Amino acid sequence: MTALHAVRFRDEFEMRCEVCDGWWPMSPEFWYPRRGVSRCLACLRDKDAVWRRTQRPRPAQRRKTVTWQSALRKRLQGRAAQARYYRGHADEVRAKRRAAYYAAKVAA
């Protein structure tokens, strides 16, 4: 499949944008070949702006995200508290775990 693009020569080679129908010089200032040559750079930016606007979270979704983030923050703070406790009481914790392990082994 080949794509046909309108190209003309005036002072320099120009190509026509399929969206705005403008004729623009074939230079990196007006075209971004890695994203195709059917839209000029201005039209690509407009398309990206529209896409970015649709990707913004709705207020209800934002509230869920904030709630989720605060819950995660609390959970991580709890884990940090557990780690601090373990560092201060490591011998006691290991003894309790060892006792529970042997009690479960004997019961099985």
C-alpha atoms as a PDB file:
ATOM      1  CA  MET A   1       0.000   0.000   0.000  1.00  0.00           C
ATOM      2  CA  THR A   2       1.436   3.354  -0.953  1.00  0.00           C
ATOM      3  CA  ALA A   3       0.366   6.745   0.272  1.00  0.00           C
ATOM      4  CA  LEU A   4       0.197   9.644  -2.140  1.00  0.00           C
ATOM      5  CA  HIS A   5       0.971  13.077  -0.767  1.00  0.00           C
ATOM      6  CA  ALA A   6       0.594  16.365  -2.575  1.00  0.00           C
ATOM      7  CA  VAL A   7       4.012  17.915  -3.157  1.00  0.00           C
ATOM      8  CA  ARG A   8       4.811  21.039  -5.110  1.00  0.00           C
ATOM      9  CA  PHE A   9       7.790  23.254  -5.776  1.00  0.00           C
ATOM     10  CA  ARG A  10       7.687  27.017  -5.438  1.00  0.00           C
ATOM     11  CA  ASP A  11      10.748  28.571  -3.767  1.00  0.00           C
ATOM     12  CA  GLU A  12      11.333  25.162  -2.175  1.00  0.00           C
ATOM     13  CA  PHE A  13       9.530  21.863  -1.976  1.00  0.00           C
ATOM     14  CA  GLU A  14       6.213  22.110  -0.151  1.00  0.00           C
ATOM     15  CA  MET A  15       3.783  19.484   1.025  1.00  0.00           C
ATOM     16  CA  ARG A  16       0.054  19.793   1.688  1.00  0.00           C
ATOM     17  CA  CYS A  17      -1.422  18.900   5.073  1.00  0.00           C
ATOM     18  CA  GLU A  18      -4.483  16.672   4.722  1.00  0.00           C
ATOM     19  CA  VAL A  19      -6.185  18.220   7.749  1.00  0.00           C
ATOM     20  CA  CYS A  20      -5.779  21.984   7.322  1.00  0.00           C
ATOM     21  CA  ASP A  21      -5.100  21.897   3.549  1.00  0.00           C
ATOM     22  CA  GLY A  22      -2.186  24.269   4.033  1.00  0.00           C
ATOM     23  CA  TRP A  23       0.995  24.078   1.957  1.00  0.00           C
ATOM     24  CA  TRP A  24       4.092  23.959   4.180  1.00  0.00           C
ATOM     25  CA  PRO A  25       7.807  23.725   3.353  1.00  0.00           C
ATOM     26  CA  MET A  26       9.276  20.235   3.704  1.00  0.00           C
ATOM     27  CA  SER A  27      11.401  20.963   6.761  1.00  0.00           C
ATOM     28  CA  PRO A  28      11.463  19.759  10.397  1.00  0.00           C
ATOM     29  CA  GLU A  29       9.976  23.107  11.366  1.00  0.00           C
ATOM     30  CA  PHE A  30       6.631  22.117   9.793  1.00  0.00           C
ATOM     31  CA  TRP A  31       6.706  18.298   9.580  1.00  0.00           C
ATOM     32  CA  TYR A  32       7.510  15.500  12.014  1.00  0.00           C
ATOM     33  CA  PRO A  33       8.176  12.451   9.803  1.00  0.00           C
ATOM     34  CA  ARG A  34       8.307   9.983  12.695  1.00  0.00           C
ATOM     35  CA  ARG A  35       4.568  10.549  13.179  1.00  0.00           C
ATOM     36  CA  GLY A  36       3.722  10.490   9.514  1.00  0.00           C
ATOM     37  CA  VAL A  37       3.537  13.163   6.876  1.00  0.00           C
ATOM     38  CA  SER A  38      -0.209  13.436   6.441  1.00  0.00           C
ATOM     39  CA  ARG A  39      -0.536  16.138   9.143  1.00  0.00           C
ATOM     40  CA  CYS A  40       1.593  19.218   9.640  1.00  0.00           C
ATOM     41  CA  LEU A  41       3.180  19.846  13.022  1.00  0.00           C
ATOM     42  CA  ALA A  42       0.486  22.359  14.044  1.00  0.00           C
ATOM     43  CA  CYS A  43      -2.292  19.852  13.307  1.00  0.00           C
ATOM     44  CA  LEU A  44      -0.419  17.151  15.219  1.00  0.00           C
ATOM     45  CA  ARG A  45      -0.161  19.469  18.225  1.00  0.00           C
ATOM     46  CA  ASP A  46      -3.889  20.234  18.033  1.00  0.00           C
ATOM     47  CA  LYS A  47      -4.674  16.524  17.890  1.00  0.00           C
ATOM     48  CA  ASP A  48      -2.399  15.862  20.874  1.00  0.00           C
ATOM     49  CA  ALA A  49      -4.016  18.670  22.876  1.00  0.00           C
ATOM     50  CA  VAL A  50      -7.467  17.198  22.271  1.00  0.00           C
ATOM     51  CA  TRP A  51      -6.216  13.761  23.309  1.00  0.00           C
ATOM     52  CA  ARG A  52      -4.610  15.176  26.479  1.00  0.00           C
ATOM     53  CA  ARG A  53      -7.853  16.907  27.422  1.00  0.00           C
ATOM     54  CA  THR A  54      -9.742  13.624  27.133  1.00  0.00           C
ATOM     55  CA  GLN A  55      -7.177  11.882  29.344  1.00  0.00           C
ATOM     56  CA  ARG A  56      -7.694  14.201  32.316  1.00  0.00           C
ATOM     57  CA  PRO A  57      -9.520  12.398  35.111  1.00  0.00           C
ATOM     58  CA  ARG A  58     -13.089  13.331  35.862  1.00  0.00           C
ATOM     59  CA  PRO A  59     -13.689  14.841  39.340  1.00  0.00           C
ATOM     60  CA  ALA A  60     -15.208  11.601  40.653  1.00  0.00           C
ATOM     61  CA  GLN A  61     -12.241   9.611  39.348  1.00  0.00           C
ATOM     62  CA  ARG A  62      -9.854  12.157  40.862  1.00  0.00           C
ATOM     63  CA  ARG A  63     -11.531  11.729  44.267  1.00  0.00           C
ATOM     64  CA  LYS A  64     -11.076   7.960  43.987  1.00  0.00           C
ATOM     65  CA  THR A  65      -7.419   8.440  43.108  1.00  0.00           C
ATOM     66  CA  VAL A  66      -6.834  10.782  46.039  1.00  0.00           C
ATOM     67  CA  THR A  67      -8.607   8.353  48.363  1.00  0.00           C
ATOM     68  CA  TRP A  68      -6.548   5.458  47.024  1.00  0.00           C
ATOM     69  CA  GLN A  69      -3.323   7.447  47.391  1.00  0.00           C
ATOM     70  CA  SER A  70      -4.102   8.400  50.980  1.00  0.00           C
ATOM     71  CA  ALA A  71      -4.943   4.763  51.813  1.00  0.00           C
ATOM     72  CA  LEU A  72      -1.644   3.670  50.289  1.00  0.00           C
ATOM     73  CA  ARG A  73       0.205   6.337  52.250  1.00  0.00           C
ATOM     74  CA  LYS A  74      -1.387   5.106  55.512  1.00  0.00           C
ATOM     75  CA  ARG A  75      -0.539   1.501  54.655  1.00  0.00           C
ATOM     76  CA  LEU A  76       3.082   2.413  53.975  1.00  0.00           C
ATOM     77  CA  GLN A  77       3.256   4.365  57.233  1.00  0.00           C
ATOM     78  CA  GLY A  78       1.925   1.273  59.024  1.00  0.00           C
ATOM     79  CA  ARG A  79       4.598  -0.865  57.381  1.00  0.00           C
ATOM     80  CA  ALA A  80       7.268   1.613  58.464  1.00  0.00           C
ATOM     81  CA  ALA A  81       5.940   1.405  62.026  1.00  0.00           C
ATOM     82  CA  GLN A  82       6.079  -2.398  61.833  1.00  0.00           C
ATOM     83  CA  ALA A  83       9.650  -2.256  60.605  1.00  0.00           C
ATOM     84  CA  ARG A  84      10.632   0.090  63.442  1.00  0.00           C
ATOM     85  CA  TYR A  85       8.978  -2.228  65.977  1.00  0.00           C
ATOM     86  CA  TYR A  86      10.715  -5.271  64.498  1.00  0.00           C
ATOM     87  CA  ARG A  87      14.110  -3.575  64.625  1.00  0.00           C
ATOM     88  CA  GLY A  88      13.575  -2.746  68.314  1.00  0.00           C
ATOM     89  CA  HIS A  89      12.138  -6.149  69.305  1.00  0.00           C
ATOM     90  CA  ALA A  90      13.778  -8.534  66.831  1.00  0.00           C
ATOM     91  CA  ASP A  91      14.783 -11.169  69.403  1.00  0.00           C
ATOM     92  CA  GLU A  92      11.297 -11.321  70.944  1.00  0.00           C
ATOM     93  CA  VAL A  93       9.622 -11.522  67.528  1.00  0.00           C
ATOM     94  CA  ARG A  94      11.932 -14.311  66.362  1.00  0.00           C
ATOM     95  CA  ALA A  95      11.320 -16.282  69.581  1.00  0.00           C
ATOM     96  CA  LYS A  96       7.521 -15.962  69.167  1.00  0.00           C
ATOM     97  CA  ARG A  97       7.707 -17.037  65.524  1.00  0.00           C
ATOM     98  CA  ARG A  98       9.976 -19.954  66.336  1.00  0.00           C
ATOM     99  CA  ALA A  99       7.593 -21.110  69.106  1.00  0.00           C
ATOM    100  CA  ALA A 100       4.573 -20.845  66.766  1.00  0.00           C
ATOM    101  CA  TYR A 101       6.448 -22.765  64.039  1.00  0.00           C
ATOM    102  CA  TYR A 102       7.305 -25.669  66.367  1.00  0.00           C
ATOM    103  CA  ALA A 103       3.789 -25.720  67.839  1.00  0.00           C
ATOM    104  CA  ALA A 104       2.299 -25.983  64.335  1.00  0.00           C
ATOM    105  CA  LYS A 105       4.823 -28.675  63.406  1.00  0.00           C
ATOM    106  CA  VAL A 106       3.954 -30.744  66.475  1.00  0.00           C
ATOM    107  CA  ALA A 107       0.199 -30.293  65.874  1.00  0.00           C
ATOM    108  CA  ALA A 108       0.491 -31.517  62.278  1.00  0.00           C
END
